[in-house]
mmCIF file of all heavy atoms, coordinates in Angstrom:
data_MODEL
# 
_entry.id   MODEL 
# 
loop_
_atom_site.group_PDB 
_atom_site.id 
_atom_site.type_symbol 
_atom_site.label_atom_id 
_atom_site.label_alt_id 
_atom_site.label_comp_id 
_atom_site.label_asym_id 
_atom_site.label_entity_id 
_atom_site.label_seq_id 
_atom_site.pdbx_PDB_ins_code 
_atom_site.Cartn_x 
_atom_site.Cartn_y 
_atom_site.Cartn_z 
_atom_site.occupancy 
_atom_site.B_iso_or_equiv 
_atom_site.pdbx_formal_charge 
_atom_site.auth_seq_id 
_atom_site.auth_comp_id 
_atom_site.auth_asym_id 
_atom_site.auth_atom_id 
_atom_site.pdbx_PDB_model_num 
ATOM 1   N N   . PRO A 1 1  ? 17.301 12.210 -2.504  1.00 0.00 ? 1  PRO A N   1 
ATOM 2   C CA  . PRO A 1 1  ? 16.004 12.660 -2.902  1.00 0.00 ? 1  PRO A CA  1 
ATOM 3   C C   . PRO A 1 1  ? 15.005 11.633 -3.065  1.00 0.00 ? 1  PRO A C   1 
ATOM 4   O O   . PRO A 1 1  ? 15.311 10.530 -3.606  1.00 0.00 ? 1  PRO A O   1 
ATOM 5   C CB  . PRO A 1 1  ? 16.300 13.354 -4.122  1.00 0.00 ? 1  PRO A CB  1 
ATOM 6   C CG  . PRO A 1 1  ? 17.757 13.696 -4.210  1.00 0.00 ? 1  PRO A CG  1 
ATOM 7   C CD  . PRO A 1 1  ? 18.366 12.563 -3.431  1.00 0.00 ? 1  PRO A CD  1 
ATOM 8   N N   . LEU A 1 2  ? 13.798 11.954 -2.597  1.00 0.00 ? 2  LEU A N   1 
ATOM 9   C CA  . LEU A 1 2  ? 12.620 11.074 -2.857  1.00 0.00 ? 2  LEU A CA  1 
ATOM 10  C C   . LEU A 1 2  ? 12.009 11.489 -4.202  1.00 0.00 ? 2  LEU A C   1 
ATOM 11  O O   . LEU A 1 2  ? 11.460 10.622 -4.880  1.00 0.00 ? 2  LEU A O   1 
ATOM 12  C CB  . LEU A 1 2  ? 11.570 11.248 -1.815  1.00 0.00 ? 2  LEU A CB  1 
ATOM 13  C CG  . LEU A 1 2  ? 11.949 10.854 -0.347  1.00 0.00 ? 2  LEU A CG  1 
ATOM 14  C CD1 . LEU A 1 2  ? 10.839 11.280 0.640   1.00 0.00 ? 2  LEU A CD1 1 
ATOM 15  C CD2 . LEU A 1 2  ? 12.137 9.324  -0.365  1.00 0.00 ? 2  LEU A CD2 1 
ATOM 16  N N   . VAL A 1 3  ? 12.160 12.703 -4.576  1.00 0.00 ? 3  VAL A N   1 
ATOM 17  C CA  . VAL A 1 3  ? 11.602 13.224 -5.881  1.00 0.00 ? 3  VAL A CA  1 
ATOM 18  C C   . VAL A 1 3  ? 12.671 14.217 -6.437  1.00 0.00 ? 3  VAL A C   1 
ATOM 19  O O   . VAL A 1 3  ? 13.188 14.963 -5.691  1.00 0.00 ? 3  VAL A O   1 
ATOM 20  C CB  . VAL A 1 3  ? 10.247 13.792 -5.715  1.00 0.00 ? 3  VAL A CB  1 
ATOM 21  C CG1 . VAL A 1 3  ? 10.255 15.078 -4.845  1.00 0.00 ? 3  VAL A CG1 1 
ATOM 22  C CG2 . VAL A 1 3  ? 9.590  14.139 -7.119  1.00 0.00 ? 3  VAL A CG2 1 
ATOM 23  N N   . CYS A 1 4  ? 12.832 14.177 -7.775  1.00 0.00 ? 4  CYS A N   1 
ATOM 24  C CA  . CYS A 1 4  ? 13.747 15.105 -8.360  1.00 0.00 ? 4  CYS A CA  1 
ATOM 25  C C   . CYS A 1 4  ? 12.976 15.982 -9.422  1.00 0.00 ? 4  CYS A C   1 
ATOM 26  O O   . CYS A 1 4  ? 11.856 15.637 -9.756  1.00 0.00 ? 4  CYS A O   1 
ATOM 27  C CB  . CYS A 1 4  ? 14.841 14.275 -9.148  1.00 0.00 ? 4  CYS A CB  1 
ATOM 28  S SG  . CYS A 1 4  ? 16.053 13.424 -8.023  1.00 0.00 ? 4  CYS A SG  1 
ATOM 29  N N   . PRO A 1 5  ? 13.573 17.116 -9.868  1.00 0.00 ? 5  PRO A N   1 
ATOM 30  C CA  . PRO A 1 5  ? 12.901 17.918 -10.822 1.00 0.00 ? 5  PRO A CA  1 
ATOM 31  C C   . PRO A 1 5  ? 12.426 17.118 -12.066 1.00 0.00 ? 5  PRO A C   1 
ATOM 32  O O   . PRO A 1 5  ? 13.196 16.311 -12.588 1.00 0.00 ? 5  PRO A O   1 
ATOM 33  C CB  . PRO A 1 5  ? 13.931 18.927 -11.248 1.00 0.00 ? 5  PRO A CB  1 
ATOM 34  C CG  . PRO A 1 5  ? 14.871 19.019 -10.074 1.00 0.00 ? 5  PRO A CG  1 
ATOM 35  C CD  . PRO A 1 5  ? 14.858 17.607 -9.535  1.00 0.00 ? 5  PRO A CD  1 
ATOM 36  N N   . GLY A 1 6  ? 11.252 17.344 -12.434 1.00 0.00 ? 6  GLY A N   1 
ATOM 37  C CA  . GLY A 1 6  ? 10.648 16.690 -13.601 1.00 0.00 ? 6  GLY A CA  1 
ATOM 38  C C   . GLY A 1 6  ? 9.829  15.368 -13.219 1.00 0.00 ? 6  GLY A C   1 
ATOM 39  O O   . GLY A 1 6  ? 9.222  14.810 -14.083 1.00 0.00 ? 6  GLY A O   1 
ATOM 40  N N   . GLU A 1 7  ? 9.965  14.920 -11.992 1.00 0.00 ? 7  GLU A N   1 
ATOM 41  C CA  . GLU A 1 7  ? 9.185  13.808 -11.588 1.00 0.00 ? 7  GLU A CA  1 
ATOM 42  C C   . GLU A 1 7  ? 7.866  14.117 -10.853 1.00 0.00 ? 7  GLU A C   1 
ATOM 43  O O   . GLU A 1 7  ? 7.743  15.167 -10.316 1.00 0.00 ? 7  GLU A O   1 
ATOM 44  C CB  . GLU A 1 7  ? 10.048 12.922 -10.597 1.00 0.00 ? 7  GLU A CB  1 
ATOM 45  C CG  . GLU A 1 7  ? 11.271 12.346 -11.245 1.00 0.00 ? 7  GLU A CG  1 
ATOM 46  C CD  . GLU A 1 7  ? 12.209 11.567 -10.256 1.00 0.00 ? 7  GLU A CD  1 
ATOM 47  O OE1 . GLU A 1 7  ? 12.072 11.806 -9.048  1.00 0.00 ? 7  GLU A OE1 1 
ATOM 48  O OE2 . GLU A 1 7  ? 12.991 10.736 -10.777 1.00 0.00 ? 7  GLU A OE2 1 
ATOM 49  N N   . ARG A 1 8  ? 6.945  13.190 -10.984 1.00 0.00 ? 8  ARG A N   1 
ATOM 50  C CA  . ARG A 1 8  ? 5.538  13.369 -10.502 1.00 0.00 ? 8  ARG A CA  1 
ATOM 51  C C   . ARG A 1 8  ? 5.624  13.026 -8.982  1.00 0.00 ? 8  ARG A C   1 
ATOM 52  O O   . ARG A 1 8  ? 6.063  12.025 -8.657  1.00 0.00 ? 8  ARG A O   1 
ATOM 53  C CB  . ARG A 1 8  ? 4.567  12.606 -11.277 1.00 0.00 ? 8  ARG A CB  1 
ATOM 54  C CG  . ARG A 1 8  ? 3.110  13.078 -11.143 1.00 0.00 ? 8  ARG A CG  1 
ATOM 55  C CD  . ARG A 1 8  ? 2.221  12.515 -12.193 1.00 0.00 ? 8  ARG A CD  1 
ATOM 56  N NE  . ARG A 1 8  ? 2.571  12.840 -13.518 1.00 0.00 ? 8  ARG A NE  1 
ATOM 57  C CZ  . ARG A 1 8  ? 2.198  13.951 -14.158 1.00 0.00 ? 8  ARG A CZ  1 
ATOM 58  N NH1 . ARG A 1 8  ? 1.654  14.947 -13.461 1.00 0.00 ? 8  ARG A NH1 1 
ATOM 59  N NH2 . ARG A 1 8  ? 2.521  14.142 -15.463 1.00 0.00 ? 8  ARG A NH2 1 
ATOM 60  N N   . VAL A 1 9  ? 4.968  13.823 -8.201  1.00 0.00 ? 9  VAL A N   1 
ATOM 61  C CA  . VAL A 1 9  ? 4.984  13.591 -6.724  1.00 0.00 ? 9  VAL A CA  1 
ATOM 62  C C   . VAL A 1 9  ? 3.866  12.666 -6.461  1.00 0.00 ? 9  VAL A C   1 
ATOM 63  O O   . VAL A 1 9  ? 2.751  12.786 -6.858  1.00 0.00 ? 9  VAL A O   1 
ATOM 64  C CB  . VAL A 1 9  ? 4.731  14.990 -5.986  1.00 0.00 ? 9  VAL A CB  1 
ATOM 65  C CG1 . VAL A 1 9  ? 4.667  14.730 -4.498  1.00 0.00 ? 9  VAL A CG1 1 
ATOM 66  C CG2 . VAL A 1 9  ? 5.700  16.054 -6.410  1.00 0.00 ? 9  VAL A CG2 1 
ATOM 67  N N   . THR A 1 10 ? 4.197  11.593 -5.688  1.00 0.00 ? 10 THR A N   1 
ATOM 68  C CA  . THR A 1 10 ? 3.258  10.511 -5.336  1.00 0.00 ? 10 THR A CA  1 
ATOM 69  C C   . THR A 1 10 ? 2.724  10.749 -3.898  1.00 0.00 ? 10 THR A C   1 
ATOM 70  O O   . THR A 1 10 ? 3.339  11.463 -3.131  1.00 0.00 ? 10 THR A O   1 
ATOM 71  C CB  . THR A 1 10 ? 3.851  9.144  -5.452  1.00 0.00 ? 10 THR A CB  1 
ATOM 72  O OG1 . THR A 1 10 ? 4.917  9.016  -4.417  1.00 0.00 ? 10 THR A OG1 1 
ATOM 73  C CG2 . THR A 1 10 ? 4.432  8.884  -6.847  1.00 0.00 ? 10 THR A CG2 1 
ATOM 74  N N   . GLY A 1 11 ? 1.700  10.088 -3.527  1.00 0.00 ? 11 GLY A N   1 
ATOM 75  C CA  . GLY A 1 11 ? 1.174  10.127 -2.214  1.00 0.00 ? 11 GLY A CA  1 
ATOM 76  C C   . GLY A 1 11 ? 2.165  9.580  -1.226  1.00 0.00 ? 11 GLY A C   1 
ATOM 77  O O   . GLY A 1 11 ? 2.312  10.150 -0.031  1.00 0.00 ? 11 GLY A O   1 
ATOM 78  N N   . GLU A 1 12 ? 2.952  8.500  -1.557  1.00 0.00 ? 12 GLU A N   1 
ATOM 79  C CA  . GLU A 1 12 ? 3.945  7.941  -0.639  1.00 0.00 ? 12 GLU A CA  1 
ATOM 80  C C   . GLU A 1 12 ? 5.031  8.998  -0.359  1.00 0.00 ? 12 GLU A C   1 
ATOM 81  O O   . GLU A 1 12 ? 5.521  9.184  0.800   1.00 0.00 ? 12 GLU A O   1 
ATOM 82  C CB  . GLU A 1 12 ? 4.574  6.710  -1.237  1.00 0.00 ? 12 GLU A CB  1 
ATOM 83  C CG  . GLU A 1 12 ? 5.706  6.120  -0.443  1.00 0.00 ? 12 GLU A CG  1 
ATOM 84  C CD  . GLU A 1 12 ? 5.318  5.565  0.950   1.00 0.00 ? 12 GLU A CD  1 
ATOM 85  O OE1 . GLU A 1 12 ? 4.178  5.418  1.200   1.00 0.00 ? 12 GLU A OE1 1 
ATOM 86  O OE2 . GLU A 1 12 ? 6.268  5.396  1.743   1.00 0.00 ? 12 GLU A OE2 1 
ATOM 87  N N   . ILE A 1 13 ? 5.489  9.683  -1.384  1.00 0.00 ? 13 ILE A N   1 
ATOM 88  C CA  . ILE A 1 13 ? 6.556  10.732 -1.228  1.00 0.00 ? 13 ILE A CA  1 
ATOM 89  C C   . ILE A 1 13 ? 5.930  11.793 -0.295  1.00 0.00 ? 13 ILE A C   1 
ATOM 90  O O   . ILE A 1 13 ? 6.654  12.255 0.642   1.00 0.00 ? 13 ILE A O   1 
ATOM 91  C CB  . ILE A 1 13 ? 6.910  11.318 -2.511  1.00 0.00 ? 13 ILE A CB  1 
ATOM 92  C CG1 . ILE A 1 13 ? 7.769  10.248 -3.403  1.00 0.00 ? 13 ILE A CG1 1 
ATOM 93  C CG2 . ILE A 1 13 ? 7.699  12.669 -2.382  1.00 0.00 ? 13 ILE A CG2 1 
ATOM 94  C CD1 . ILE A 1 13 ? 7.900  10.637 -4.795  1.00 0.00 ? 13 ILE A CD1 1 
ATOM 95  N N   . LEU A 1 14 ? 4.751  12.278 -0.484  1.00 0.00 ? 14 LEU A N   1 
ATOM 96  C CA  . LEU A 1 14 ? 4.138  13.225 0.317   1.00 0.00 ? 14 LEU A CA  1 
ATOM 97  C C   . LEU A 1 14 ? 4.055  12.846 1.766   1.00 0.00 ? 14 LEU A C   1 
ATOM 98  O O   . LEU A 1 14 ? 4.327  13.556 2.690   1.00 0.00 ? 14 LEU A O   1 
ATOM 99  C CB  . LEU A 1 14 ? 2.673  13.665 -0.143  1.00 0.00 ? 14 LEU A CB  1 
ATOM 100 C CG  . LEU A 1 14 ? 2.737  14.502 -1.451  1.00 0.00 ? 14 LEU A CG  1 
ATOM 101 C CD1 . LEU A 1 14 ? 1.295  14.772 -1.902  1.00 0.00 ? 14 LEU A CD1 1 
ATOM 102 C CD2 . LEU A 1 14 ? 3.427  15.830 -1.165  1.00 0.00 ? 14 LEU A CD2 1 
ATOM 103 N N   . ARG A 1 15 ? 3.621  11.593 1.912   1.00 0.00 ? 15 ARG A N   1 
ATOM 104 C CA  . ARG A 1 15 ? 3.476  11.073 3.336   1.00 0.00 ? 15 ARG A CA  1 
ATOM 105 C C   . ARG A 1 15 ? 4.846  11.143 4.049   1.00 0.00 ? 15 ARG A C   1 
ATOM 106 O O   . ARG A 1 15 ? 4.917  11.616 5.173   1.00 0.00 ? 15 ARG A O   1 
ATOM 107 C CB  . ARG A 1 15 ? 3.020  9.615  3.302   1.00 0.00 ? 15 ARG A CB  1 
ATOM 108 C CG  . ARG A 1 15 ? 2.765  9.015  4.730   1.00 0.00 ? 15 ARG A CG  1 
ATOM 109 C CD  . ARG A 1 15 ? 2.337  7.573  4.553   1.00 0.00 ? 15 ARG A CD  1 
ATOM 110 N NE  . ARG A 1 15 ? 3.423  6.701  4.116   1.00 0.00 ? 15 ARG A NE  1 
ATOM 111 C CZ  . ARG A 1 15 ? 4.566  6.327  4.851   1.00 0.00 ? 15 ARG A CZ  1 
ATOM 112 N NH1 . ARG A 1 15 ? 4.640  6.743  6.096   1.00 0.00 ? 15 ARG A NH1 1 
ATOM 113 N NH2 . ARG A 1 15 ? 5.436  5.522  4.349   1.00 0.00 ? 15 ARG A NH2 1 
ATOM 114 N N   . ARG A 1 16 ? 5.912  10.759 3.362   1.00 0.00 ? 16 ARG A N   1 
ATOM 115 C CA  . ARG A 1 16 ? 7.275  10.810 4.052   1.00 0.00 ? 16 ARG A CA  1 
ATOM 116 C C   . ARG A 1 16 ? 7.672  12.215 4.292   1.00 0.00 ? 16 ARG A C   1 
ATOM 117 O O   . ARG A 1 16 ? 8.241  12.559 5.322   1.00 0.00 ? 16 ARG A O   1 
ATOM 118 C CB  . ARG A 1 16 ? 8.286  10.066 3.160   1.00 0.00 ? 16 ARG A CB  1 
ATOM 119 C CG  . ARG A 1 16 ? 8.018  8.568  3.196   1.00 0.00 ? 16 ARG A CG  1 
ATOM 120 C CD  . ARG A 1 16 ? 9.044  7.875  2.438   1.00 0.00 ? 16 ARG A CD  1 
ATOM 121 N NE  . ARG A 1 16 ? 8.777  6.471  2.397   1.00 0.00 ? 16 ARG A NE  1 
ATOM 122 C CZ  . ARG A 1 16 ? 9.658  5.505  2.355   1.00 0.00 ? 16 ARG A CZ  1 
ATOM 123 N NH1 . ARG A 1 16 ? 10.944 5.780  2.378   1.00 0.00 ? 16 ARG A NH1 1 
ATOM 124 N NH2 . ARG A 1 16 ? 9.307  4.213  2.254   1.00 0.00 ? 16 ARG A NH2 1 
ATOM 125 N N   . LEU A 1 17 ? 7.429  13.101 3.332   1.00 0.00 ? 17 LEU A N   1 
ATOM 126 C CA  . LEU A 1 17 ? 7.822  14.542 3.527   1.00 0.00 ? 17 LEU A CA  1 
ATOM 127 C C   . LEU A 1 17 ? 6.996  15.160 4.675   1.00 0.00 ? 17 LEU A C   1 
ATOM 128 O O   . LEU A 1 17 ? 7.477  15.966 5.487   1.00 0.00 ? 17 LEU A O   1 
ATOM 129 C CB  . LEU A 1 17 ? 7.686  15.311 2.221   1.00 0.00 ? 17 LEU A CB  1 
ATOM 130 C CG  . LEU A 1 17 ? 8.588  14.977 1.132   1.00 0.00 ? 17 LEU A CG  1 
ATOM 131 C CD1 . LEU A 1 17 ? 8.282  15.755 -0.176  1.00 0.00 ? 17 LEU A CD1 1 
ATOM 132 C CD2 . LEU A 1 17 ? 10.100 15.366 1.503   1.00 0.00 ? 17 LEU A CD2 1 
ATOM 133 N N   . MET A 1 18 ? 5.761  14.909 4.715   1.00 0.00 ? 18 MET A N   1 
ATOM 134 C CA  . MET A 1 18 ? 4.787  15.524 5.743   1.00 0.00 ? 18 MET A CA  1 
ATOM 135 C C   . MET A 1 18 ? 5.100  14.978 7.184   1.00 0.00 ? 18 MET A C   1 
ATOM 136 O O   . MET A 1 18 ? 4.917  15.623 8.190   1.00 0.00 ? 18 MET A O   1 
ATOM 137 C CB  . MET A 1 18 ? 3.369  15.369 5.318   1.00 0.00 ? 18 MET A CB  1 
ATOM 138 C CG  . MET A 1 18 ? 3.064  16.236 4.132   1.00 0.00 ? 18 MET A CG  1 
ATOM 139 S SD  . MET A 1 18 ? 1.302  16.463 3.800   1.00 0.00 ? 18 MET A SD  1 
ATOM 140 C CE  . MET A 1 18 ? 0.684  14.827 3.540   1.00 0.00 ? 18 MET A CE  1 
ATOM 141 N N   . ASN A 1 19 ? 5.586  13.693 7.242   1.00 0.00 ? 19 ASN A N   1 
ATOM 142 C CA  . ASN A 1 19 ? 5.831  13.030 8.479   1.00 0.00 ? 19 ASN A CA  1 
ATOM 143 C C   . ASN A 1 19 ? 7.161  13.503 9.073   1.00 0.00 ? 19 ASN A C   1 
ATOM 144 O O   . ASN A 1 19 ? 7.414  13.283 10.257  1.00 0.00 ? 19 ASN A O   1 
ATOM 145 C CB  . ASN A 1 19 ? 5.750  11.572 8.451   1.00 0.00 ? 19 ASN A CB  1 
ATOM 146 C CG  . ASN A 1 19 ? 4.346  11.006 8.346   1.00 0.00 ? 19 ASN A CG  1 
ATOM 147 O OD1 . ASN A 1 19 ? 3.366  11.748 8.586   1.00 0.00 ? 19 ASN A OD1 1 
ATOM 148 N ND2 . ASN A 1 19 ? 4.236  9.859  7.786   1.00 0.00 ? 19 ASN A ND2 1 
ATOM 149 N N   . ALA A 1 20 ? 8.065  14.027 8.147   1.00 0.00 ? 20 ALA A N   1 
ATOM 150 C CA  . ALA A 1 20 ? 9.390  14.423 8.701   1.00 0.00 ? 20 ALA A CA  1 
ATOM 151 C C   . ALA A 1 20 ? 9.259  15.894 9.267   1.00 0.00 ? 20 ALA A C   1 
ATOM 152 O O   . ALA A 1 20 ? 8.482  16.683 8.789   1.00 0.00 ? 20 ALA A O   1 
ATOM 153 C CB  . ALA A 1 20 ? 10.378 14.468 7.569   1.00 0.00 ? 20 ALA A CB  1 
ATOM 154 N N   . LYS A 1 21 ? 10.073 16.135 10.246  1.00 0.00 ? 21 LYS A N   1 
ATOM 155 C CA  . LYS A 1 21 ? 10.125 17.485 10.817  1.00 0.00 ? 21 LYS A CA  1 
ATOM 156 C C   . LYS A 1 21 ? 10.895 18.367 9.885   1.00 0.00 ? 21 LYS A C   1 
ATOM 157 O O   . LYS A 1 21 ? 11.672 17.803 8.998   1.00 0.00 ? 21 LYS A O   1 
ATOM 158 C CB  . LYS A 1 21 ? 10.883 17.448 12.181  1.00 0.00 ? 21 LYS A CB  1 
ATOM 159 C CG  . LYS A 1 21 ? 10.060 16.702 13.207  1.00 0.00 ? 21 LYS A CG  1 
ATOM 160 C CD  . LYS A 1 21 ? 10.900 16.537 14.540  1.00 0.00 ? 21 LYS A CD  1 
ATOM 161 C CE  . LYS A 1 21 ? 10.210 15.598 15.426  1.00 0.00 ? 21 LYS A CE  1 
ATOM 162 N NZ  . LYS A 1 21 ? 11.148 14.999 16.372  1.00 0.00 ? 21 LYS A NZ  1 
ATOM 163 N N   . ASN A 1 22 ? 10.787 19.730 9.903   1.00 0.00 ? 22 ASN A N   1 
ATOM 164 C CA  . ASN A 1 22 ? 11.436 20.591 9.046   1.00 0.00 ? 22 ASN A CA  1 
ATOM 165 C C   . ASN A 1 22 ? 12.912 20.435 9.033   1.00 0.00 ? 22 ASN A C   1 
ATOM 166 O O   . ASN A 1 22 ? 13.525 20.499 7.939   1.00 0.00 ? 22 ASN A O   1 
ATOM 167 C CB  . ASN A 1 22 ? 11.086 22.114 9.386   1.00 0.00 ? 22 ASN A CB  1 
ATOM 168 C CG  . ASN A 1 22 ? 9.752  22.524 8.873   1.00 0.00 ? 22 ASN A CG  1 
ATOM 169 O OD1 . ASN A 1 22 ? 9.250  21.917 7.995   1.00 0.00 ? 22 ASN A OD1 1 
ATOM 170 N ND2 . ASN A 1 22 ? 9.220  23.517 9.531   1.00 0.00 ? 22 ASN A ND2 1 
ATOM 171 N N   . GLN A 1 23 ? 13.605 20.139 10.117  1.00 0.00 ? 23 GLN A N   1 
ATOM 172 C CA  . GLN A 1 23 ? 15.065 19.982 10.121  1.00 0.00 ? 23 GLN A CA  1 
ATOM 173 C C   . GLN A 1 23 ? 15.446 18.606 9.607   1.00 0.00 ? 23 GLN A C   1 
ATOM 174 O O   . GLN A 1 23 ? 16.652 18.413 9.365   1.00 0.00 ? 23 GLN A O   1 
ATOM 175 C CB  . GLN A 1 23 ? 15.633 20.167 11.580  1.00 0.00 ? 23 GLN A CB  1 
ATOM 176 C CG  . GLN A 1 23 ? 15.163 19.167 12.587  1.00 0.00 ? 23 GLN A CG  1 
ATOM 177 C CD  . GLN A 1 23 ? 13.938 19.538 13.331  1.00 0.00 ? 23 GLN A CD  1 
ATOM 178 O OE1 . GLN A 1 23 ? 13.112 20.338 12.856  1.00 0.00 ? 23 GLN A OE1 1 
ATOM 179 N NE2 . GLN A 1 23 ? 13.743 18.992 14.492  1.00 0.00 ? 23 GLN A NE2 1 
ATOM 180 N N   . GLU A 1 24 ? 14.489 17.749 9.355   1.00 0.00 ? 24 GLU A N   1 
ATOM 181 C CA  . GLU A 1 24 ? 14.829 16.354 8.736   1.00 0.00 ? 24 GLU A CA  1 
ATOM 182 C C   . GLU A 1 24 ? 14.495 16.360 7.281   1.00 0.00 ? 24 GLU A C   1 
ATOM 183 O O   . GLU A 1 24 ? 14.706 15.227 6.658   1.00 0.00 ? 24 GLU A O   1 
ATOM 184 C CB  . GLU A 1 24 ? 13.949 15.343 9.460   1.00 0.00 ? 24 GLU A CB  1 
ATOM 185 C CG  . GLU A 1 24 ? 14.304 15.186 10.915  1.00 0.00 ? 24 GLU A CG  1 
ATOM 186 C CD  . GLU A 1 24 ? 13.345 14.230 11.658  1.00 0.00 ? 24 GLU A CD  1 
ATOM 187 O OE1 . GLU A 1 24 ? 12.272 13.915 11.087  1.00 0.00 ? 24 GLU A OE1 1 
ATOM 188 O OE2 . GLU A 1 24 ? 13.677 13.861 12.768  1.00 0.00 ? 24 GLU A OE2 1 
ATOM 189 N N   . ARG A 1 25 ? 14.174 17.366 6.629   1.00 0.00 ? 25 ARG A N   1 
ATOM 190 C CA  . ARG A 1 25 ? 13.818 17.276 5.210   1.00 0.00 ? 25 ARG A CA  1 
ATOM 191 C C   . ARG A 1 25 ? 14.462 18.416 4.415   1.00 0.00 ? 25 ARG A C   1 
ATOM 192 O O   . ARG A 1 25 ? 14.856 19.426 5.051   1.00 0.00 ? 25 ARG A O   1 
ATOM 193 C CB  . ARG A 1 25 ? 12.386 17.232 4.966   1.00 0.00 ? 25 ARG A CB  1 
ATOM 194 C CG  . ARG A 1 25 ? 11.540 18.531 5.451   1.00 0.00 ? 25 ARG A CG  1 
ATOM 195 C CD  . ARG A 1 25 ? 10.104 18.325 5.378   1.00 0.00 ? 25 ARG A CD  1 
ATOM 196 N NE  . ARG A 1 25 ? 9.415  19.499 5.934   1.00 0.00 ? 25 ARG A NE  1 
ATOM 197 C CZ  . ARG A 1 25 ? 8.223  19.645 6.125   1.00 0.00 ? 25 ARG A CZ  1 
ATOM 198 N NH1 . ARG A 1 25 ? 7.439  18.584 5.947   1.00 0.00 ? 25 ARG A NH1 1 
ATOM 199 N NH2 . ARG A 1 25 ? 7.628  20.761 6.545   1.00 0.00 ? 25 ARG A NH2 1 
# 
């Protein structure tokens, strides 16, 4: 996991999640 429950979502985490295809996340 890049982020777990209770953690604040960062721009870097979002960048990685948005750049991944649905089947890769």
